[in-house]
Amino acid sequence: MAMDKYFVDSVRYPAAELAAGNEDIIRVTFNVSDKGVAQNPTLTPLFGSSPAFNEEVKRLISDMAVWTPATDKKGKPAESYYYSATVRFILPDSLIEKFPLAQDTTVLSSAEVMPQFRGGEGNFQTYLMWFVRYPQMEKEQGRDGTVYIYFEVAPSGKIENVKCQKGVPGAPGLAKEGIRVISGMPRWTPGMVGGKVVRVGMTVPIRFLLQ
């Protein structure tokens, strides 16, 4: 939790990417030396490769406070591997909604051009893989199943009005986690009808399987 807070508090949105309206989520893995120094970051961007975003993530790793290093069987400091985190570069609502894109608040169930997670279904599944966390209570109780989460893609692409359409009986944590993950999605490419952006309601399944 402290590491996640560090990234949220310390990230600097590159000015050129902010001006261009670009977003990304980057998964970074790194190791910690026997002196507690975070090093050797490997970056996996969700949406694409931006030098500015990449350099900012590398800076965050370089500026990270010294860790308490791992120890070997003899109690001596040792290098440890494969810590991972995600760094989000998501535009603030004040910029997304600076100019109203549509006055009609009608929610459509379909559109000529349906909304899409940036990069398509493959990127959406990667997003779920990165961010869905199995609720501890349901895991301990052996609860699994699929929850169906409803949300609306606003004309701005922002995700709004998220709720559980169908949950798993006796497993409220699964629905809660589904709502959390969908609510935290970056903007989608909005739906369109007649060349105009529209608001579209959608439902997606999120499957929780015990290994």
C-alpha atoms as a PDB file:
ATOM      1  CA  MET A   1       0.000   0.000   0.000  1.00  0.00           C
ATOM      2  CA  ALA A   2       2.873   2.384   0.791  1.00  0.00           C
ATOM      3  CA  MET A   3       4.404   1.677  -2.611  1.00  0.00           C
ATOM      4  CA  ASP A   4       1.105   2.339  -4.408  1.00  0.00           C
ATOM      5  CA  LYS A   5       0.752   5.608  -2.482  1.00  0.00           C
ATOM      6  CA  TYR A   6       4.274   6.591  -3.480  1.00  0.00           C
ATOM      7  CA  PHE A   7       3.456   6.210  -7.167  1.00  0.00           C
ATOM      8  CA  VAL A   8       0.172   8.126  -6.867  1.00  0.00           C
ATOM      9  CA  ASP A   9       1.755  10.972  -4.885  1.00  0.00           C
ATOM     10  CA  SER A  10       4.975  11.240  -6.870  1.00  0.00           C
ATOM     11  CA  VAL A  11       4.025  10.725 -10.509  1.00  0.00           C
ATOM     12  CA  ARG A  12       4.427  13.725 -12.812  1.00  0.00           C
ATOM     13  CA  TYR A  13       2.288  13.747 -15.937  1.00  0.00           C
ATOM     14  CA  PRO A  14       4.588  14.577 -18.879  1.00  0.00           C
ATOM     15  CA  ALA A  15       3.517  17.980 -20.207  1.00  0.00           C
ATOM     16  CA  ALA A  16       3.541  16.968 -23.881  1.00  0.00           C
ATOM     17  CA  GLU A  17       1.410  13.879 -23.220  1.00  0.00           C
ATOM     18  CA  LEU A  18      -0.998  15.914 -21.086  1.00  0.00           C
ATOM     19  CA  ALA A  19      -1.379  18.537 -23.808  1.00  0.00           C
ATOM     20  CA  ALA A  20      -1.994  15.832 -26.404  1.00  0.00           C
ATOM     21  CA  GLY A  21      -4.589  14.104 -24.213  1.00  0.00           C
ATOM     22  CA  ASN A  22      -2.643  10.852 -24.125  1.00  0.00           C
ATOM     23  CA  GLU A  23      -3.162   8.251 -21.404  1.00  0.00           C
ATOM     24  CA  ASP A  24      -1.522   4.985 -20.446  1.00  0.00           C
ATOM     25  CA  ILE A  25      -1.144   2.444 -17.681  1.00  0.00           C
ATOM     26  CA  ILE A  26       2.310   0.939 -17.319  1.00  0.00           C
ATOM     27  CA  ARG A  27       3.182  -2.240 -15.445  1.00  0.00           C
ATOM     28  CA  VAL A  28       6.723  -2.065 -14.098  1.00  0.00           C
ATOM     29  CA  THR A  29       8.726  -4.917 -12.611  1.00  0.00           C
ATOM     30  CA  PHE A  30      12.025  -4.401 -10.840  1.00  0.00           C
ATOM     31  CA  ASN A  31      14.374  -5.976  -8.360  1.00  0.00           C
ATOM     32  CA  VAL A  32      15.831  -4.705  -5.087  1.00  0.00           C
ATOM     33  CA  SER A  33      19.568  -4.955  -4.473  1.00  0.00           C
ATOM     34  CA  ASP A  34      21.177  -6.215  -1.288  1.00  0.00           C
ATOM     35  CA  LYS A  35      21.557  -2.542  -0.343  1.00  0.00           C
ATOM     36  CA  GLY A  36      17.817  -1.907  -0.693  1.00  0.00           C
ATOM     37  CA  VAL A  37      18.032  -0.014  -3.998  1.00  0.00           C
ATOM     38  CA  ALA A  38      15.217  -0.521  -6.543  1.00  0.00           C
ATOM     39  CA  GLN A  39      16.784  -1.154  -9.931  1.00  0.00           C
ATOM     40  CA  ASN A  40      16.521  -2.738 -13.398  1.00  0.00           C
ATOM     41  CA  PRO A  41      12.945  -1.694 -14.237  1.00  0.00           C
ATOM     42  CA  THR A  42      11.161  -3.535 -17.050  1.00  0.00           C
ATOM     43  CA  LEU A  43       8.157  -1.702 -18.450  1.00  0.00           C
ATOM     44  CA  THR A  44       5.009  -3.096 -20.057  1.00  0.00           C
ATOM     45  CA  PRO A  45       2.653  -0.352 -21.314  1.00  0.00           C
ATOM     46  CA  LEU A  46      -1.006  -1.236 -21.693  1.00  0.00           C
ATOM     47  CA  PHE A  47      -1.768   1.108 -24.573  1.00  0.00           C
ATOM     48  CA  GLY A  48       1.522   1.788 -26.307  1.00  0.00           C
ATOM     49  CA  SER A  49       5.099   2.861 -25.917  1.00  0.00           C
ATOM     50  CA  SER A  50       5.594   6.534 -25.053  1.00  0.00           C
ATOM     51  CA  PRO A  51       9.182   7.635 -24.326  1.00  0.00           C
ATOM     52  CA  ALA A  52       7.897  10.365 -22.008  1.00  0.00           C
ATOM     53  CA  PHE A  53       5.726   8.004 -19.960  1.00  0.00           C
ATOM     54  CA  ASN A  54       8.486   5.401 -19.887  1.00  0.00           C
ATOM     55  CA  GLU A  55      11.086   7.890 -18.658  1.00  0.00           C
ATOM     56  CA  GLU A  56       8.761   9.062 -15.906  1.00  0.00           C
ATOM     57  CA  VAL A  57       8.256   5.498 -14.650  1.00  0.00           C
ATOM     58  CA  LYS A  58      12.024   4.933 -14.685  1.00  0.00           C
ATOM     59  CA  ARG A  59      12.449   8.149 -12.671  1.00  0.00           C
ATOM     60  CA  LEU A  60       9.934   6.934 -10.105  1.00  0.00           C
ATOM     61  CA  ILE A  61      11.892   3.715  -9.640  1.00  0.00           C
ATOM     62  CA  SER A  62      15.199   5.590  -9.448  1.00  0.00           C
ATOM     63  CA  ASP A  63      13.848   8.061  -6.860  1.00  0.00           C
ATOM     64  CA  MET A  64      12.197   5.403  -4.714  1.00  0.00           C
ATOM     65  CA  ALA A  65      13.267   5.377  -1.066  1.00  0.00           C
ATOM     66  CA  VAL A  66      15.691   2.685   0.046  1.00  0.00           C
ATOM     67  CA  TRP A  67      13.975  -0.600   0.845  1.00  0.00           C
ATOM     68  CA  THR A  68      14.718  -2.957   3.687  1.00  0.00           C
ATOM     69  CA  PRO A  69      16.533  -5.627   1.658  1.00  0.00           C
ATOM     70  CA  ALA A  70      15.705  -9.296   1.672  1.00  0.00           C
ATOM     71  CA  THR A  71      17.940 -11.615   3.668  1.00  0.00           C
ATOM     72  CA  ASP A  72      19.381 -15.010   2.855  1.00  0.00           C
ATOM     73  CA  LYS A  73      19.239 -18.095   5.061  1.00  0.00           C
ATOM     74  CA  LYS A  74      22.143 -16.755   7.105  1.00  0.00           C
ATOM     75  CA  GLY A  75      20.403 -13.458   7.737  1.00  0.00           C
ATOM     76  CA  LYS A  76      22.637 -11.469   5.409  1.00  0.00           C
ATOM     77  CA  PRO A  77      21.220  -8.854   2.985  1.00  0.00           C
ATOM     78  CA  ALA A  78      20.462 -10.360  -0.399  1.00  0.00           C
ATOM     79  CA  GLU A  79      19.168  -9.229  -3.775  1.00  0.00           C
ATOM     80  CA  SER A  80      15.527 -10.003  -4.424  1.00  0.00           C
ATOM     81  CA  TYR A  81      13.523 -10.082  -7.648  1.00  0.00           C
ATOM     82  CA  TYR A  82      10.289  -9.374  -9.438  1.00  0.00           C
ATOM     83  CA  TYR A  83       8.470  -6.738  -7.497  1.00  0.00           C
ATOM     84  CA  SER A  84       5.739  -5.228  -9.631  1.00  0.00           C
ATOM     85  CA  ALA A  85       3.481  -2.202  -9.646  1.00  0.00           C
ATOM     86  CA  THR A  86       1.290  -0.246 -12.039  1.00  0.00           C
ATOM     87  CA  VAL A  87       1.630   3.455 -12.761  1.00  0.00           C
ATOM     88  CA  ARG A  88      -1.456   5.186 -14.142  1.00  0.00           C
ATOM     89  CA  PHE A  89      -1.359   8.203 -16.423  1.00  0.00           C
ATOM     90  CA  ILE A  90      -5.057   9.098 -16.573  1.00  0.00           C
ATOM     91  CA  LEU A  91      -6.354  12.529 -17.543  1.00  0.00           C
ATOM     92  CA  PRO A  92      -8.241  14.412 -14.814  1.00  0.00           C
ATOM     93  CA  ASP A  93     -11.978  14.938 -15.271  1.00  0.00           C
ATOM     94  CA  SER A  94     -11.427  18.706 -15.486  1.00  0.00           C
ATOM     95  CA  LEU A  95      -9.636  18.199 -18.806  1.00  0.00           C
ATOM     96  CA  ILE A  96     -11.859  15.421 -20.144  1.00  0.00           C
ATOM     97  CA  GLU A  97     -15.039  17.422 -19.602  1.00  0.00           C
ATOM     98  CA  LYS A  98     -13.711  20.889 -20.384  1.00  0.00           C
ATOM     99  CA  PHE A  99     -16.005  21.021 -23.407  1.00  0.00           C
ATOM    100  CA  PRO A 100     -19.412  19.260 -23.370  1.00  0.00           C
ATOM    101  CA  LEU A 101     -19.577  16.736 -26.178  1.00  0.00           C
ATOM    102  CA  ALA A 102     -23.284  15.987 -26.116  1.00  0.00           C
ATOM    103  CA  GLN A 103     -26.367  17.433 -24.480  1.00  0.00           C
ATOM    104  CA  ASP A 104     -28.606  14.380 -24.944  1.00  0.00           C
ATOM    105  CA  THR A 105     -28.498  12.186 -21.820  1.00  0.00           C
ATOM    106  CA  THR A 106     -30.273   9.230 -23.458  1.00  0.00           C
ATOM    107  CA  VAL A 107     -28.597   5.918 -22.645  1.00  0.00           C
ATOM    108  CA  LEU A 108     -28.446   3.591 -25.632  1.00  0.00           C
ATOM    109  CA  SER A 109     -28.042  -0.166 -25.415  1.00  0.00           C
ATOM    110  CA  SER A 110     -26.384  -0.302 -28.836  1.00  0.00           C
ATOM    111  CA  ALA A 111     -24.836   2.080 -31.323  1.00  0.00           C
ATOM    112  CA  GLU A 112     -23.649   2.132 -34.922  1.00  0.00           C
ATOM    113  CA  VAL A 113     -20.126   2.194 -33.560  1.00  0.00           C
ATOM    114  CA  MET A 114     -19.969   0.574 -30.133  1.00  0.00           C
ATOM    115  CA  PRO A 115     -17.700   1.914 -27.381  1.00  0.00           C
ATOM    116  CA  GLN A 116     -14.377   0.158 -27.129  1.00  0.00           C
ATOM    117  CA  PHE A 117     -11.656  -0.224 -24.554  1.00  0.00           C
ATOM    118  CA  ARG A 118      -8.601   1.361 -26.122  1.00  0.00           C
ATOM    119  CA  GLY A 119      -6.739  -1.337 -28.032  1.00  0.00           C
ATOM    120  CA  GLY A 120      -9.698  -3.702 -28.062  1.00  0.00           C
ATOM    121  CA  GLU A 121     -10.695  -6.836 -26.182  1.00  0.00           C
ATOM    122  CA  GLY A 122      -7.130  -8.035 -25.692  1.00  0.00           C
ATOM    123  CA  ASN A 123      -6.152  -4.884 -23.818  1.00  0.00           C
ATOM    124  CA  PHE A 124      -9.356  -5.042 -21.781  1.00  0.00           C
ATOM    125  CA  GLN A 125      -8.538  -8.577 -20.644  1.00  0.00           C
ATOM    126  CA  THR A 126      -4.995  -7.472 -19.788  1.00  0.00           C
ATOM    127  CA  TYR A 127      -6.427  -4.633 -17.704  1.00  0.00           C
ATOM    128  CA  LEU A 128      -8.612  -7.080 -15.780  1.00  0.00           C
ATOM    129  CA  MET A 129      -5.668  -9.428 -15.265  1.00  0.00           C
ATOM    130  CA  TRP A 130      -3.574  -6.586 -13.838  1.00  0.00           C
ATOM    131  CA  PHE A 131      -6.177  -5.102 -11.520  1.00  0.00           C
ATOM    132  CA  VAL A 132      -8.711  -7.722 -10.379  1.00  0.00           C
ATOM    133  CA  ARG A 133      -7.897  -8.970  -6.874  1.00  0.00           C
ATOM    134  CA  TYR A 134      -9.673 -11.990  -5.475  1.00  0.00           C
ATOM    135  CA  PRO A 135     -11.466 -10.892  -2.253  1.00  0.00           C
ATOM    136  CA  GLN A 136      -9.890 -12.621   0.715  1.00  0.00           C
ATOM    137  CA  MET A 137     -13.164 -13.630   2.400  1.00  0.00           C
ATOM    138  CA  GLU A 138     -14.555 -15.260  -0.742  1.00  0.00           C
ATOM    139  CA  LYS A 139     -11.239 -16.998  -1.314  1.00  0.00           C
ATOM    140  CA  GLU A 140     -11.240 -18.425   2.208  1.00  0.00           C
ATOM    141  CA  GLN A 141     -14.871 -19.548   1.827  1.00  0.00           C
ATOM    142  CA  GLY A 142     -14.216 -21.173  -1.554  1.00  0.00           C
ATOM    143  CA  ARG A 143     -16.653 -18.889  -3.349  1.00  0.00           C
ATOM    144  CA  ASP A 144     -16.225 -18.391  -7.080  1.00  0.00           C
ATOM    145  CA  GLY A 145     -18.330 -17.547 -10.113  1.00  0.00           C
ATOM    146  CA  THR A 146     -19.050 -14.768 -12.570  1.00  0.00           C
ATOM    147  CA  VAL A 147     -20.361 -11.303 -11.784  1.00  0.00           C
ATOM    148  CA  TYR A 148     -21.952  -9.086 -14.418  1.00  0.00           C
ATOM    149  CA  ILE A 149     -21.117  -5.411 -14.110  1.00  0.00           C
ATOM    150  CA  TYR A 150     -23.144  -2.704 -15.820  1.00  0.00           C
ATOM    151  CA  PHE A 151     -21.632   0.649 -16.730  1.00  0.00           C
ATOM    152  CA  GLU A 152     -22.165   3.533 -19.102  1.00  0.00           C
ATOM    153  CA  VAL A 153     -19.604   4.980 -21.485  1.00  0.00           C
ATOM    154  CA  ALA A 154     -20.227   8.728 -21.537  1.00  0.00           C
ATOM    155  CA  PRO A 155     -19.667  10.792 -24.698  1.00  0.00           C
ATOM    156  CA  SER A 156     -16.337  11.837 -23.168  1.00  0.00           C
ATOM    157  CA  GLY A 157     -15.371   8.167 -22.895  1.00  0.00           C
ATOM    158  CA  LYS A 158     -15.541   8.340 -19.108  1.00  0.00           C
ATOM    159  CA  ILE A 159     -16.948   5.314 -17.241  1.00  0.00           C
ATOM    160  CA  GLU A 160     -20.028   6.214 -15.200  1.00  0.00           C
ATOM    161  CA  ASN A 161     -22.996   4.696 -13.302  1.00  0.00           C
ATOM    162  CA  VAL A 162     -21.280   1.423 -12.486  1.00  0.00           C
ATOM    163  CA  LYS A 163     -23.313  -1.234 -10.680  1.00  0.00           C
ATOM    164  CA  CYS A 164     -23.587  -4.980 -10.331  1.00  0.00           C
ATOM    165  CA  GLN A 165     -26.283  -6.349 -12.603  1.00  0.00           C
ATOM    166  CA  LYS A 166     -25.907  -9.947 -11.415  1.00  0.00           C
ATOM    167  CA  GLY A 167     -23.689 -11.243  -8.632  1.00  0.00           C
ATOM    168  CA  VAL A 168     -22.793 -14.568  -7.067  1.00  0.00           C
ATOM    169  CA  PRO A 169     -25.123 -15.606  -4.213  1.00  0.00           C
ATOM    170  CA  GLY A 170     -23.363 -15.467  -0.856  1.00  0.00           C
ATOM    171  CA  ALA A 171     -20.319 -13.706  -2.291  1.00  0.00           C
ATOM    172  CA  PRO A 172     -20.879  -9.935  -2.107  1.00  0.00           C
ATOM    173  CA  GLY A 173     -17.138  -9.306  -2.215  1.00  0.00           C
ATOM    174  CA  LEU A 174     -16.970 -10.491  -5.820  1.00  0.00           C
ATOM    175  CA  ALA A 175     -19.531  -7.920  -6.919  1.00  0.00           C
ATOM    176  CA  LYS A 176     -17.794  -5.203  -4.911  1.00  0.00           C
ATOM    177  CA  GLU A 177     -14.460  -6.030  -6.537  1.00  0.00           C
ATOM    178  CA  GLY A 178     -16.023  -6.040  -9.988  1.00  0.00           C
ATOM    179  CA  ILE A 179     -17.496  -2.594  -9.400  1.00  0.00           C
ATOM    180  CA  ARG A 180     -14.155  -1.297  -8.121  1.00  0.00           C
ATOM    181  CA  VAL A 181     -12.200  -2.517 -11.124  1.00  0.00           C
ATOM    182  CA  ILE A 182     -14.692  -1.306 -13.727  1.00  0.00           C
ATOM    183  CA  SER A 183     -15.042   2.070 -11.996  1.00  0.00           C
ATOM    184  CA  GLY A 184     -11.279   2.527 -12.216  1.00  0.00           C
ATOM    185  CA  MET A 185     -11.039   1.912 -15.964  1.00  0.00           C
ATOM    186  CA  PRO A 186      -9.458   4.585 -18.141  1.00  0.00           C
ATOM    187  CA  ARG A 187     -11.573   6.328 -20.743  1.00  0.00           C
ATOM    188  CA  TRP A 188     -12.980   4.223 -23.572  1.00  0.00           C
ATOM    189  CA  THR A 189     -13.416   5.281 -27.185  1.00  0.00           C
ATOM    190  CA  PRO A 190     -17.081   6.380 -27.026  1.00  0.00           C
ATOM    191  CA  GLY A 191     -19.914   5.017 -29.121  1.00  0.00           C
ATOM    192  CA  MET A 192     -21.227   6.880 -32.149  1.00  0.00           C
ATOM    193  CA  VAL A 193     -24.512   7.212 -34.033  1.00  0.00           C
ATOM    194  CA  GLY A 194     -24.727   9.246 -37.192  1.00  0.00           C
ATOM    195  CA  GLY A 195     -21.226  10.545 -36.680  1.00  0.00           C
ATOM    196  CA  LYS A 196     -22.017  11.900 -33.200  1.00  0.00           C
ATOM    197  CA  VAL A 197     -20.784  10.569 -29.869  1.00  0.00           C
ATOM    198  CA  VAL A 198     -23.472   9.053 -27.634  1.00  0.00           C
ATOM    199  CA  ARG A 199     -23.891   7.531 -24.186  1.00  0.00           C
ATOM    200  CA  VAL A 200     -24.026   3.729 -24.251  1.00  0.00           C
ATOM    201  CA  GLY A 201     -24.818   1.256 -21.470  1.00  0.00           C
ATOM    202  CA  MET A 202     -22.873  -1.986 -21.431  1.00  0.00           C
ATOM    203  CA  THR A 203     -22.512  -5.112 -19.287  1.00  0.00           C
ATOM    204  CA  VAL A 204     -19.331  -7.158 -18.945  1.00  0.00           C
ATOM    205  CA  PRO A 205     -18.716 -10.453 -17.134  1.00  0.00           C
ATOM    206  CA  ILE A 206     -15.847 -10.782 -14.675  1.00  0.00           C
ATOM    207  CA  ARG A 207     -15.020 -14.358 -13.773  1.00  0.00           C
ATOM    208  CA  PHE A 208     -13.517 -15.325 -10.444  1.00  0.00           C
ATOM    209  CA  LEU A 209     -11.963 -18.787 -10.420  1.00  0.00           C
ATOM    210  CA  LEU A 210     -10.205 -20.450  -7.490  1.00  0.00           C
ATOM    211  CA  GLN A 211      -6.942 -22.083  -8.534  1.00  0.00           C
END
